[in-house]
Amino acid sequence: MGGLPEPRPHSRCVRHILNQTHLERFTGAARLLVPGADDLSRFEVPARGAPGRAVLVVQPASLDEMREVVRRAVAAGVRLLPQGANTGLVGASVPPADDPGVVLSLDRLATPPDVDPVGATAVVAAGTRLSVLNAAAAEHGLHLPVDLAADPSLGGMVATNTGGSRVLRYGPMRHHVLGAELVAANAAATVFGHLVAVRKDSRGVDPVQLAVGSGGTLGVITRVTVALTPLPAATDTWWLALDRPERAIELLRMLERRRPAAVSAFELVARSALTHTLAAPGAPANPFGTELPAAGVLAEWSGDPAALAGVEHDLAAAAAAGLLADARQVPPVEAWALRHRVTEALRHAGTVLGHDVSVPVGALMALRDDVAAAVAALAPHAELCGFGHAGDGGLHLNVLFPHDAAGPSPGLAADIRAAVDTAVARHGGSYSAEHALGPVNAARWLASTAPVERALIAALKAVLDPHRLLGHPAHPYNQLP
């Protein structure tokens, strides 16, 4: 291993080690936050899951500072957990409470985006928020069309291969990544990758794509090059009432045939999820009046105004075909406000077991039915509150245990998760549609991934992170022998 010391990620000595290697020499630039003197809570409390604990937070503001931090950490054997906006949902964004570590925050890697309006690309620092990039891109009539309820950092979006509500039209984050600059966790803190802004490049395997979805375990992302798309000139949003949710995909295909390349989102929300969302504090108005359908769909069309004229006629035809019971046009901001409140509303209503899954689109409703039957058999006092990106084959099959009912025991939670995984596998799908890998699904990855793929990841770790110092210790890539 090039004479490097063995890793020594013992939390008790981390601060001492970093001070001994004179990290404080450049804390004016690579800012150092410490417990007691600084409030570290925003780096320790994830968007979902149990809080963790950081013994230090280091915030480099340039590539040189990042490399210096990584070099010193590698020499001392100190684990670094790269963290963007801390909006992750699979337990990988904060150090574990029982094994505290150093958070390598990307907050200060946030120089203004360099937008190329001619090539429709942008080079963006990893700590830059999606909202900041899109504000800069909008000045040129462009945007990064990855729609999320959160406001993540670009580095985090690459590391998790973020999905969102418009994958149906634009694809996940992977489709927009043209390049990335990364720092390996070796003795030299080697910089690798590229920031080229070309959309065609066939020079072999692209190392940048290895970082997409890696959860910060195969190098620290410092900058990315992304492809942008034109902002739509017009957007039309409707909430659709479905009395027969099993025909949702049939409805989608009919709407797509009538108006090709115009449907940009198709979000299914089951009645149970709608009920809790509309009952939560500060809820928006019910778009359907006083009633609730078996399921609602937020459908969005976007593009040239002329291409969107007559959407109501498409919906009337769908109603005549028995595919929907009602349709209400709602301004985009109001329409999306309801959809984006679902997750928080369910959390407010009780204990949630979240499942972020995907299957081929044609199998989606059969999957929903299989999971509903399994949950009813295992936990009749729980509710299946399915919602999400039905148009691309993804659903959040969240199982809610209301506050007035008994919560799930560890054994019951494991049984429900196993039943969901079995159903997903039966339909040829993925147990991680858009939230990436992390401690939450580490056992699934290790159990279901082919030996040759595990060996490939282990080989990459040996080159890019030979001492297993990057990322959450329970990330599956850090559990390989």
Protein backbone atom coordinates (compact mmCIF):
# COMPACT_ATOMS: atom_id res chain seq x y z
CA MET A 1 0.00 0.00 0.00
CA GLY A 2 2.85 2.37 -0.71
CA GLY A 3 4.09 2.54 2.88
CA LEU A 4 0.90 4.18 4.19
CA PRO A 5 0.01 3.53 7.81
CA GLU A 6 -2.87 1.22 8.57
CA PRO A 7 -6.16 3.07 9.02
CA ARG A 8 -6.79 4.29 12.54
CA PRO A 9 -10.37 5.62 12.43
CA HIS A 10 -10.76 5.56 16.24
CA SER A 11 -13.00 8.52 17.03
CA ARG A 12 -11.27 9.24 20.35
CA CYS A 13 -8.04 10.29 18.62
CA VAL A 14 -9.36 11.92 15.44
CA ARG A 15 -9.19 15.51 16.60
CA HIS A 16 -5.75 14.98 18.12
CA ILE A 17 -4.46 13.39 14.91
CA LEU A 18 -5.73 16.19 12.72
CA ASN A 19 -4.30 18.84 15.01
CA GLN A 20 -1.00 17.01 15.13
CA THR A 21 -0.81 17.09 11.34
CA HIS A 22 -1.29 20.86 11.52
CA LEU A 23 -4.68 20.98 9.87
CA GLU A 24 -5.26 24.17 11.86
CA ARG A 25 -2.66 25.94 9.70
CA PHE A 26 -5.25 26.56 7.02
CA THR A 27 -8.53 26.57 8.94
CA GLY A 28 -9.02 30.14 7.74
CA ALA A 29 -9.56 28.58 4.31
CA ALA A 30 -10.33 24.92 4.98
CA ARG A 31 -12.58 25.82 7.87
CA LEU A 32 -12.54 23.51 10.87
CA LEU A 33 -15.66 23.18 13.03
CA VAL A 34 -15.40 21.38 16.37
CA PRO A 35 -17.95 20.20 18.94
CA GLY A 36 -18.55 22.63 21.74
CA ALA A 37 -17.12 25.63 19.95
CA ASP A 38 -19.43 25.18 16.94
CA ASP A 39 -22.96 23.88 16.38
CA LEU A 40 -22.57 20.71 14.33
CA SER A 41 -26.24 19.67 14.38
CA ARG A 42 -26.92 20.45 10.72
CA PHE A 43 -24.12 18.07 9.77
CA GLU A 44 -25.34 15.34 12.13
CA VAL A 45 -29.12 15.20 11.61
CA PRO A 46 -30.11 13.60 8.29
CA ALA A 47 -33.30 14.22 6.33
CA ARG A 48 -34.42 10.72 7.31
CA GLY A 49 -33.17 8.33 9.95
CA ALA A 50 -31.32 8.51 13.22
CA PRO A 51 -28.94 11.39 14.00
CA GLY A 52 -25.22 10.70 13.79
CA ARG A 53 -22.22 12.32 15.45
CA ALA A 54 -19.31 14.23 13.99
CA VAL A 55 -16.08 14.72 15.92
CA LEU A 56 -15.03 17.37 13.38
CA VAL A 57 -16.40 19.10 10.30
CA VAL A 58 -13.82 20.17 7.72
CA GLN A 59 -14.87 22.61 4.97
CA PRO A 60 -12.29 23.08 2.21
CA ALA A 61 -13.06 25.79 -0.33
CA SER A 62 -10.83 24.78 -3.26
CA LEU A 63 -9.32 21.75 -4.95
CA ASP A 64 -5.94 22.41 -3.33
CA GLU A 65 -7.48 22.61 0.14
CA MET A 66 -9.47 19.44 -0.51
CA ARG A 67 -6.34 17.56 -1.54
CA GLU A 68 -4.48 18.77 1.55
CA VAL A 69 -7.28 17.57 3.82
CA VAL A 70 -7.41 14.18 2.08
CA ARG A 71 -3.62 13.75 2.17
CA ARG A 72 -3.47 14.45 5.89
CA ALA A 73 -6.44 12.23 6.65
CA VAL A 74 -4.94 9.34 4.67
CA ALA A 75 -1.58 9.73 6.41
CA ALA A 76 -3.31 9.66 9.79
CA GLY A 77 -5.78 6.89 8.94
CA VAL A 78 -8.81 9.09 9.61
CA ARG A 79 -12.15 8.29 7.96
CA LEU A 80 -13.76 11.09 5.93
CA LEU A 81 -17.45 11.19 5.15
CA PRO A 82 -18.12 13.50 2.17
CA GLN A 83 -21.33 15.43 2.72
CA GLY A 84 -23.21 17.74 0.37
CA ALA A 85 -26.49 19.28 1.50
CA ASN A 86 -27.25 16.38 3.87
CA THR A 87 -30.54 15.60 2.11
CA GLY A 88 -29.85 11.88 1.64
CA LEU A 89 -32.45 9.29 2.68
CA VAL A 90 -30.53 6.02 3.05
CA GLY A 91 -28.39 6.71 6.12
CA ALA A 92 -25.15 7.49 4.29
CA SER A 93 -24.91 11.26 4.81
CA VAL A 94 -23.90 11.43 8.51
CA PRO A 95 -21.35 9.47 10.58
CA PRO A 96 -22.90 6.81 12.82
CA ALA A 97 -23.58 7.87 16.39
CA ASP A 98 -21.71 4.86 17.77
CA ASP A 99 -18.66 5.39 15.54
CA PRO A 100 -18.25 9.17 15.17
CA GLY A 101 -16.18 10.46 12.30
CA VAL A 102 -15.07 13.48 10.34
CA VAL A 103 -17.57 15.14 8.03
CA LEU A 104 -15.91 16.44 4.88
CA SER A 105 -18.39 19.17 4.04
CA LEU A 106 -18.66 20.47 0.48
CA ASP A 107 -20.51 23.63 1.58
CA ARG A 108 -17.67 25.97 0.71
CA LEU A 109 -16.99 24.40 -2.69
CA ALA A 110 -19.63 26.69 -4.16
CA THR A 111 -18.13 29.14 -6.63
CA PRO A 112 -20.64 30.60 -9.15
CA PRO A 113 -21.58 28.14 -11.91
CA ASP A 114 -19.81 28.58 -15.26
CA VAL A 115 -22.69 28.33 -17.75
CA ASP A 116 -22.01 27.90 -21.46
CA PRO A 117 -25.25 29.03 -23.15
CA VAL A 118 -24.07 27.97 -26.61
CA GLY A 119 -23.17 24.42 -25.66
CA ALA A 120 -25.96 24.28 -23.03
CA THR A 121 -23.57 22.99 -20.35
CA ALA A 122 -22.29 24.17 -16.99
CA VAL A 123 -19.23 23.46 -14.86
CA VAL A 124 -20.38 23.54 -11.26
CA ALA A 125 -18.60 23.24 -7.92
CA ALA A 126 -19.73 20.19 -5.96
CA GLY A 127 -21.16 22.19 -3.07
CA THR A 128 -23.35 24.38 -5.27
CA ARG A 129 -27.07 23.88 -4.67
CA LEU A 130 -29.40 22.89 -7.48
CA SER A 131 -31.40 26.09 -6.98
CA VAL A 132 -28.27 28.22 -7.48
CA LEU A 133 -27.34 26.40 -10.68
CA ASN A 134 -30.84 26.72 -12.06
CA ALA A 135 -31.02 30.41 -11.21
CA ALA A 136 -27.79 30.98 -13.17
CA ALA A 137 -28.90 28.75 -16.04
CA ALA A 138 -32.32 30.43 -16.25
CA GLU A 139 -30.63 33.68 -17.30
CA HIS A 140 -29.84 31.84 -20.53
CA GLY A 141 -33.17 30.05 -20.85
CA LEU A 142 -31.73 26.76 -19.57
CA HIS A 143 -32.07 24.47 -16.55
CA LEU A 144 -30.97 21.15 -15.11
CA PRO A 145 -34.31 19.34 -15.29
CA VAL A 146 -33.96 17.18 -12.19
CA ASP A 147 -36.95 18.04 -10.02
CA LEU A 148 -36.77 17.38 -6.29
CA ALA A 149 -38.59 18.49 -3.16
CA ALA A 150 -35.18 19.09 -1.55
CA ASP A 151 -32.41 21.45 -2.68
CA PRO A 152 -29.36 19.17 -2.90
CA SER A 153 -25.78 19.95 -3.84
CA LEU A 154 -24.52 19.00 -7.30
CA GLY A 155 -21.88 16.70 -5.84
CA GLY A 156 -24.49 14.88 -3.81
CA MET A 157 -26.73 14.57 -6.83
CA VAL A 158 -23.96 12.85 -8.77
CA ALA A 159 -22.96 10.65 -5.82
CA THR A 160 -26.54 9.39 -5.46
CA ASN A 161 -27.65 9.44 -9.11
CA THR A 162 -30.62 11.54 -8.08
CA GLY A 163 -33.94 10.84 -9.80
CA GLY A 164 -36.96 13.01 -9.10
CA SER A 165 -40.31 13.74 -10.65
CA ARG A 166 -39.27 14.32 -14.25
CA VAL A 167 -37.23 11.20 -14.98
CA LEU A 168 -40.11 10.23 -17.28
CA ARG A 169 -39.08 13.04 -19.65
CA TYR A 170 -35.43 13.76 -18.89
CA GLY A 171 -33.89 10.74 -17.17
CA PRO A 172 -31.96 10.58 -13.85
CA MET A 173 -28.85 12.55 -12.95
CA ARG A 174 -26.61 10.06 -14.74
CA HIS A 175 -28.03 11.23 -18.07
CA HIS A 176 -26.90 14.80 -17.42
CA VAL A 177 -23.35 14.19 -16.16
CA LEU A 178 -20.75 14.96 -18.83
CA GLY A 179 -17.74 15.09 -16.54
CA ALA A 180 -16.51 15.30 -12.99
CA GLU A 181 -13.32 16.10 -11.11
CA LEU A 182 -12.58 13.83 -8.17
CA VAL A 183 -9.94 13.35 -5.49
CA ALA A 184 -8.87 9.81 -4.64
CA ALA A 185 -8.19 8.87 -1.02
CA ASN A 186 -4.60 7.76 -1.61
CA ALA A 187 -1.34 9.16 -0.28
CA ALA A 188 -1.06 11.73 -3.09
CA ALA A 189 -4.75 12.68 -3.06
CA THR A 190 -4.68 12.06 -6.80
CA VAL A 191 -7.04 14.08 -8.96
CA PHE A 192 -8.84 12.03 -11.60
CA GLY A 193 -11.77 12.32 -13.98
CA HIS A 194 -12.35 15.15 -16.43
CA LEU A 195 -14.52 18.22 -16.94
CA VAL A 196 -14.97 18.01 -20.71
CA ALA A 197 -18.23 19.44 -21.99
CA VAL A 198 -18.74 17.20 -25.02
CA ARG A 199 -21.83 15.06 -25.42
CA LYS A 200 -20.08 12.37 -27.47
CA ASP A 201 -16.88 10.78 -26.20
CA SER A 202 -16.06 7.17 -27.06
CA ARG A 203 -12.53 6.90 -25.68
CA GLY A 204 -13.40 3.81 -23.71
CA VAL A 205 -14.73 3.35 -20.18
CA ASP A 206 -15.47 6.69 -18.53
CA PRO A 207 -14.10 6.87 -14.96
CA VAL A 208 -16.53 9.69 -14.19
CA GLN A 209 -19.50 7.36 -14.54
CA LEU A 210 -17.98 5.16 -11.83
CA ALA A 211 -18.60 7.99 -9.38
CA VAL A 212 -22.28 8.32 -10.27
CA GLY A 213 -24.22 6.55 -7.54
CA SER A 214 -21.09 5.65 -5.55
CA GLY A 215 -22.15 7.51 -2.39
CA GLY A 216 -18.81 9.27 -2.01
CA THR A 217 -16.90 6.01 -1.58
CA LEU A 218 -14.90 6.08 -4.84
CA GLY A 219 -13.46 9.59 -4.63
CA VAL A 220 -14.50 13.01 -3.41
CA ILE A 221 -16.33 14.97 -6.10
CA THR A 222 -15.12 18.57 -6.34
CA ARG A 223 -16.61 19.81 -9.64
CA VAL A 224 -19.01 18.46 -12.23
CA THR A 225 -19.92 19.28 -15.82
CA VAL A 226 -23.60 18.89 -16.56
CA ALA A 227 -25.72 19.05 -19.68
CA LEU A 228 -28.55 21.57 -19.52
CA THR A 229 -31.83 21.67 -21.43
CA PRO A 230 -34.03 24.57 -22.55
CA LEU A 231 -36.58 25.83 -20.08
CA PRO A 232 -40.07 24.95 -21.30
CA ALA A 233 -41.97 27.96 -22.59
CA ALA A 234 -45.21 26.72 -21.06
CA THR A 235 -46.31 24.24 -18.39
CA ASP A 236 -49.77 22.79 -17.80
CA THR A 237 -50.54 20.84 -14.59
CA TRP A 238 -53.64 18.86 -13.71
CA TRP A 239 -54.68 16.68 -10.81
CA LEU A 240 -56.47 13.64 -12.20
CA ALA A 241 -58.89 11.45 -10.22
CA LEU A 242 -58.62 7.70 -10.80
CA ASP A 243 -61.28 5.33 -9.54
CA ARG A 244 -59.33 2.42 -11.03
CA PRO A 245 -55.63 3.02 -10.25
CA GLU A 246 -54.70 -0.29 -11.90
CA ARG A 247 -55.28 1.48 -15.24
CA ALA A 248 -52.90 4.36 -14.45
CA ILE A 249 -50.23 3.29 -16.95
CA GLU A 250 -52.87 2.75 -19.62
CA LEU A 251 -53.94 6.36 -19.01
CA LEU A 252 -50.34 7.56 -19.28
CA ARG A 253 -49.79 5.81 -22.59
CA MET A 254 -52.98 7.27 -24.03
CA LEU A 255 -51.95 10.79 -23.03
CA GLU A 256 -48.47 10.28 -24.50
CA ARG A 257 -49.86 9.02 -27.80
CA ARG A 258 -52.14 12.01 -28.13
CA ARG A 259 -49.38 14.51 -27.38
CA PRO A 260 -45.95 12.92 -28.02
CA ALA A 261 -42.94 14.20 -26.03
CA ALA A 262 -45.08 16.64 -24.03
CA VAL A 263 -45.84 14.74 -20.79
CA SER A 264 -43.06 15.66 -18.36
CA ALA A 265 -44.39 14.20 -15.09
CA PHE A 266 -46.93 11.57 -14.05
CA GLU A 267 -47.05 11.31 -10.25
CA LEU A 268 -49.39 8.77 -8.67
CA VAL A 269 -50.59 9.32 -5.08
CA ALA A 270 -52.80 6.71 -3.42
CA ARG A 271 -55.88 7.80 -1.47
CA SER A 272 -54.24 6.84 1.83
CA ALA A 273 -51.27 9.13 1.14
CA LEU A 274 -53.55 11.94 -0.07
CA THR A 275 -55.68 11.64 3.07
CA HIS A 276 -52.73 12.11 5.41
CA THR A 277 -51.24 14.88 3.28
CA LEU A 278 -54.44 16.91 3.26
CA ALA A 279 -54.88 16.37 7.02
CA ALA A 280 -51.39 17.60 7.93
CA PRO A 281 -50.88 21.08 9.39
CA GLY A 282 -50.66 23.78 6.72
CA ALA A 283 -51.97 21.47 4.00
CA PRO A 284 -53.01 22.97 0.66
CA ALA A 285 -56.58 22.71 -0.57
CA ASN A 286 -57.96 19.43 -1.84
CA PRO A 287 -57.84 19.77 -5.65
CA PHE A 288 -60.84 17.42 -5.92
CA GLY A 289 -63.11 19.44 -3.64
CA THR A 290 -64.62 17.47 -0.77
CA GLU A 291 -64.08 13.95 -2.17
CA LEU A 292 -60.98 11.84 -2.66
CA PRO A 293 -60.52 9.32 -5.48
CA ALA A 294 -58.92 5.91 -5.10
CA ALA A 295 -55.76 7.59 -6.38
CA GLY A 296 -54.75 10.97 -7.69
CA VAL A 297 -52.27 11.69 -10.45
CA LEU A 298 -50.38 14.92 -10.86
CA ALA A 299 -49.85 15.11 -14.61
CA GLU A 300 -47.63 17.76 -16.16
CA TRP A 301 -47.22 18.76 -19.79
CA SER A 302 -44.45 21.15 -20.80
CA GLY A 303 -43.03 22.63 -23.98
CA ASP A 304 -44.15 25.04 -26.66
CA PRO A 305 -47.51 26.69 -25.83
CA ALA A 306 -48.98 25.63 -29.17
CA ALA A 307 -48.07 22.01 -28.46
CA LEU A 308 -49.99 22.13 -25.18
CA ALA A 309 -53.20 23.58 -26.58
CA GLY A 310 -56.08 21.19 -26.14
CA VAL A 311 -54.84 19.09 -23.20
CA GLU A 312 -58.38 19.23 -21.81
CA HIS A 313 -59.61 17.42 -24.94
CA ASP A 314 -57.10 14.62 -24.29
CA LEU A 315 -58.42 14.31 -20.75
CA ALA A 316 -62.01 14.26 -21.95
CA ALA A 317 -61.13 11.40 -24.30
CA ALA A 318 -59.46 9.54 -21.41
CA ALA A 319 -62.56 10.03 -19.27
CA ALA A 320 -64.75 8.73 -22.10
CA ALA A 321 -62.51 5.64 -22.22
CA GLY A 322 -63.09 5.07 -18.50
CA LEU A 323 -59.47 5.84 -17.54
CA LEU A 324 -60.18 8.77 -15.21
CA ALA A 325 -63.12 10.05 -13.19
CA ASP A 326 -62.27 13.74 -12.94
CA ALA A 327 -59.60 16.26 -13.92
CA ARG A 328 -58.83 19.58 -12.25
CA GLN A 329 -56.42 22.11 -13.72
CA VAL A 330 -54.23 23.56 -10.94
CA PRO A 331 -51.49 26.22 -11.22
CA PRO A 332 -48.07 24.53 -11.22
CA VAL A 333 -46.87 25.97 -7.90
CA GLU A 334 -50.02 24.83 -6.10
CA ALA A 335 -50.10 21.47 -7.86
CA TRP A 336 -46.53 20.61 -6.92
CA ALA A 337 -46.90 21.98 -3.37
CA LEU A 338 -49.37 19.20 -2.63
CA ARG A 339 -47.21 16.49 -4.21
CA HIS A 340 -44.04 17.59 -2.45
CA ARG A 341 -45.72 17.56 0.98
CA VAL A 342 -46.54 13.86 0.93
CA THR A 343 -43.33 12.56 2.53
CA GLU A 344 -43.36 15.03 5.42
CA ALA A 345 -47.08 14.53 6.00
CA LEU A 346 -46.66 10.77 6.36
CA ARG A 347 -43.82 11.31 8.81
CA HIS A 348 -46.12 13.59 10.80
CA ALA A 349 -48.84 10.90 10.83
CA GLY A 350 -46.79 8.08 12.35
CA THR A 351 -43.85 5.75 11.94
CA VAL A 352 -42.90 5.17 8.31
CA LEU A 353 -41.07 2.24 6.76
CA GLY A 354 -39.93 3.67 3.43
CA HIS A 355 -39.33 1.61 0.29
CA ASP A 356 -37.94 3.36 -2.80
CA VAL A 357 -38.48 0.84 -5.56
CA SER A 358 -38.82 0.59 -9.32
CA VAL A 359 -39.92 -2.04 -11.83
CA PRO A 360 -40.60 -2.05 -15.58
CA VAL A 361 -43.47 0.38 -16.05
CA GLY A 362 -45.87 -2.31 -17.20
CA ALA A 363 -45.39 -4.23 -13.95
CA LEU A 364 -45.83 -1.29 -11.61
CA MET A 365 -49.46 -1.74 -10.62
CA ALA A 366 -49.06 -5.49 -10.20
CA LEU A 367 -46.16 -4.76 -7.85
CA ARG A 368 -48.35 -2.35 -5.88
CA ASP A 369 -51.05 -5.00 -5.51
CA ASP A 370 -48.55 -7.66 -4.40
CA VAL A 371 -47.05 -5.38 -1.76
CA ALA A 372 -50.49 -4.29 -0.54
CA ALA A 373 -51.47 -7.94 -0.02
CA ALA A 374 -48.22 -8.72 1.80
CA VAL A 375 -48.53 -5.70 4.12
CA ALA A 376 -52.16 -6.51 4.91
CA ALA A 377 -51.15 -10.04 5.88
CA LEU A 378 -48.14 -9.04 7.96
CA ALA A 379 -49.41 -5.84 9.58
CA PRO A 380 -53.19 -5.32 9.25
CA HIS A 381 -52.96 -2.22 11.50
CA ALA A 382 -50.56 -0.49 9.07
CA GLU A 383 -51.38 1.44 5.89
CA LEU A 384 -49.64 1.17 2.55
CA CYS A 385 -49.25 4.77 1.36
CA GLY A 386 -47.89 4.46 -2.14
CA PHE A 387 -46.90 7.51 -4.11
CA GLY A 388 -44.31 8.64 -6.58
CA HIS A 389 -43.03 8.57 -10.10
CA ALA A 390 -45.35 6.06 -11.74
CA GLY A 391 -44.51 7.37 -15.20
CA ASP A 392 -40.96 6.00 -15.00
CA GLY A 393 -41.82 2.83 -13.08
CA GLY A 394 -40.91 4.13 -9.62
CA LEU A 395 -42.98 4.21 -6.43
CA HIS A 396 -42.34 5.00 -2.80
CA LEU A 397 -44.20 2.13 -1.16
CA ASN A 398 -44.19 3.60 2.31
CA VAL A 399 -45.79 1.58 5.10
CA LEU A 400 -47.32 3.84 7.77
CA PHE A 401 -47.92 2.82 11.36
CA PRO A 402 -50.18 5.60 12.72
CA HIS A 403 -49.39 7.14 16.09
CA ASP A 404 -52.46 5.51 17.64
CA ALA A 405 -51.32 2.03 16.59
CA ALA A 406 -48.42 -0.12 17.69
CA GLY A 407 -45.21 0.65 15.84
CA PRO A 408 -43.27 -2.04 13.99
CA SER A 409 -40.97 -4.30 15.95
CA PRO A 410 -37.55 -4.92 14.39
CA GLY A 411 -38.73 -8.36 13.34
CA LEU A 412 -41.90 -7.06 11.71
CA ALA A 413 -39.99 -4.31 9.93
CA ALA A 414 -37.57 -6.91 8.58
CA ASP A 415 -40.44 -9.14 7.43
CA ILE A 416 -42.13 -6.26 5.59
CA ARG A 417 -38.88 -5.23 3.94
CA ALA A 418 -38.24 -8.82 2.86
CA ALA A 419 -41.74 -9.09 1.41
CA VAL A 420 -41.26 -5.87 -0.57
CA ASP A 421 -37.87 -7.04 -1.82
CA THR A 422 -39.34 -10.38 -2.89
CA ALA A 423 -42.10 -8.67 -4.83
CA VAL A 424 -39.68 -6.24 -6.47
CA ALA A 425 -37.37 -9.09 -7.52
CA ARG A 426 -40.32 -11.10 -8.86
CA HIS A 427 -41.19 -8.21 -11.16
CA GLY A 428 -37.60 -7.61 -12.29
CA GLY A 429 -37.08 -4.35 -10.43
CA SER A 430 -34.72 -2.45 -8.12
CA TYR A 431 -34.90 -2.00 -4.35
CA SER A 432 -33.19 1.40 -4.76
CA ALA A 433 -34.87 3.40 -7.49
CA GLU A 434 -33.44 6.85 -6.78
CA HIS A 435 -32.14 7.15 -3.21
CA ALA A 436 -28.84 5.36 -3.91
CA LEU A 437 -26.96 2.90 -1.69
CA GLY A 438 -26.30 3.33 2.00
CA PRO A 439 -26.52 1.53 5.33
CA VAL A 440 -30.29 1.13 4.86
CA ASN A 441 -29.84 -1.21 1.91
CA ALA A 442 -26.28 -2.47 2.41
CA ALA A 443 -27.40 -6.02 3.27
CA ARG A 444 -29.57 -6.13 0.14
CA TRP A 445 -26.68 -5.11 -2.09
CA LEU A 446 -24.26 -7.58 -0.54
CA ALA A 447 -26.76 -10.44 -0.76
CA SER A 448 -28.02 -9.81 -4.28
CA THR A 449 -24.99 -8.53 -6.20
CA ALA A 450 -23.07 -10.96 -8.38
CA PRO A 451 -19.57 -11.95 -7.19
CA VAL A 452 -17.92 -10.50 -10.30
CA GLU A 453 -19.53 -7.12 -9.63
CA ARG A 454 -18.50 -7.19 -5.98
CA ALA A 455 -14.95 -8.02 -7.08
CA LEU A 456 -14.99 -5.11 -9.54
CA ILE A 457 -16.03 -2.63 -6.83
CA ALA A 458 -13.42 -4.05 -4.45
CA ALA A 459 -10.76 -3.52 -7.11
CA LEU A 460 -11.85 0.08 -7.63
CA LYS A 461 -11.74 0.67 -3.88
CA ALA A 462 -8.20 -0.73 -3.78
CA VAL A 463 -7.09 1.90 -6.31
CA LEU A 464 -9.17 4.91 -5.27
CA ASP A 465 -9.57 4.35 -1.53
CA PRO A 466 -7.04 1.71 -0.49
CA HIS A 467 -7.58 2.18 3.25
CA ARG A 468 -11.40 2.29 3.11
CA LEU A 469 -11.47 5.80 4.56
CA LEU A 470 -14.15 7.34 2.32
CA GLY A 471 -17.85 7.30 3.01
CA HIS A 472 -20.06 5.80 5.67
CA PRO A 473 -18.47 2.73 7.30
CA ALA A 474 -21.68 0.76 6.74
CA HIS A 475 -21.92 1.60 3.05
CA PRO A 476 -21.85 -1.74 1.20
CA TYR A 477 -18.75 -0.75 -0.78
CA ASN A 478 -16.92 -0.41 2.54
CA GLN A 479 -18.12 -3.85 3.67
CA LEU A 480 -16.41 -5.80 0.88
CA PRO A 481 -13.55 -8.11 1.89
